[in-house]
Amino acid sequence: MDEVEVSVITVNDGWGFEIYRNGKKYIEQPTIPAVLGNIHFKTKEDAQSVGNLMKSKIEKGVIPPAITLKELDSLEIRK
């Protein structure tokens, strides 16, 4: 099984995350997925929550691990 890790990163005026698969950068997500425009996460915790959801999808074999607006709402991500 692949080893999948989430790393929260700082970007300009907010937060983003990167996902590493077997030690190699797999996804770089500096903005909130599914939201139009270049909007960064407002908090480190929000970035971590969405990163963890994406990690879970990857581990379950959901490729691409797309995030929906409904999922963002269920995680109470501030846009």
Protein backbone atom coordinates (compact mmCIF):
# COMPACT_ATOMS: atom_id res chain seq x y z
CA MET A 1 0.00 0.00 0.00
CA ASP A 2 1.19 3.50 -0.80
CA GLU A 3 2.31 5.79 2.00
CA VAL A 4 0.36 9.06 1.73
CA GLU A 5 1.24 12.14 3.79
CA VAL A 6 -0.27 15.64 4.02
CA SER A 7 1.92 18.68 4.62
CA VAL A 8 0.32 22.07 5.30
CA ILE A 9 2.15 24.99 3.66
CA THR A 10 1.99 28.76 3.95
CA VAL A 11 1.11 30.64 0.78
CA ASN A 12 0.92 34.41 0.29
CA ASP A 13 -2.03 35.43 2.46
CA GLY A 14 -3.12 32.04 3.75
CA TRP A 15 -2.57 28.29 3.73
CA GLY A 16 -2.45 25.38 1.31
CA PHE A 17 -1.23 21.82 1.38
CA GLU A 18 0.87 19.28 -0.45
CA ILE A 19 0.32 15.56 -0.62
CA TYR A 20 3.25 13.19 -0.83
CA ARG A 21 2.88 9.64 -2.11
CA ASN A 22 5.73 7.29 -1.24
CA GLY A 23 7.91 10.28 -0.36
CA LYS A 24 7.38 12.15 -3.64
CA LYS A 25 5.25 15.23 -4.13
CA TYR A 26 2.00 14.04 -5.69
CA ILE A 27 -0.31 17.06 -5.35
CA GLU A 28 0.39 20.73 -4.66
CA GLN A 29 -2.79 22.52 -3.59
CA PRO A 30 -2.10 26.20 -2.76
CA THR A 31 -5.78 27.19 -3.14
CA ILE A 32 -9.15 25.85 -2.00
CA PRO A 33 -10.23 23.17 -4.49
CA ALA A 34 -13.65 23.49 -6.20
CA VAL A 35 -13.75 27.25 -5.52
CA LEU A 36 -13.33 29.65 -8.44
CA GLY A 37 -10.36 31.99 -8.23
CA ASN A 38 -7.12 31.80 -6.34
CA ILE A 39 -8.51 31.69 -2.82
CA HIS A 40 -6.22 30.33 -0.13
CA PHE A 41 -7.37 28.57 3.01
CA LYS A 42 -8.00 31.02 5.85
CA THR A 43 -6.62 28.70 8.54
CA LYS A 44 -4.03 25.97 8.85
CA GLU A 45 -6.75 23.70 10.25
CA ASP A 46 -8.95 24.17 7.16
CA ALA A 47 -6.05 23.24 4.87
CA GLN A 48 -5.30 20.18 7.02
CA SER A 49 -8.95 19.04 6.97
CA VAL A 50 -9.23 19.16 3.19
CA GLY A 51 -5.78 17.61 2.80
CA ASN A 52 -6.85 14.74 5.06
CA LEU A 53 -10.02 14.22 3.01
CA MET A 54 -7.98 14.11 -0.20
CA LYS A 55 -5.51 11.71 1.45
CA SER A 56 -8.39 9.43 2.43
CA LYS A 57 -9.68 9.38 -1.15
CA ILE A 58 -6.21 8.50 -2.49
CA GLU A 59 -5.89 5.66 0.03
CA LYS A 60 -9.28 4.33 -1.12
CA GLY A 61 -8.16 4.44 -4.77
CA VAL A 62 -10.25 7.47 -5.77
CA ILE A 63 -8.14 9.08 -8.51
CA PRO A 64 -8.33 11.96 -9.09
CA PRO A 65 -9.23 12.75 -5.47
CA ALA A 66 -11.50 15.66 -6.44
CA ILE A 67 -13.14 17.73 -3.70
CA THR A 68 -16.68 19.06 -4.12
CA LEU A 69 -18.32 22.22 -2.80
CA LYS A 70 -20.65 20.00 -0.77
CA GLU A 71 -17.65 18.37 0.93
CA LEU A 72 -16.15 21.79 1.67
CA ASP A 73 -19.45 22.86 3.23
CA SER A 74 -19.64 19.68 5.32
CA LEU A 75 -16.14 20.43 6.64
CA GLU A 76 -17.25 24.03 7.33
CA ILE A 77 -14.39 25.45 5.25
CA ARG A 78 -14.49 29.25 5.20
CA LYS A 79 -14.09 30.60 1.69
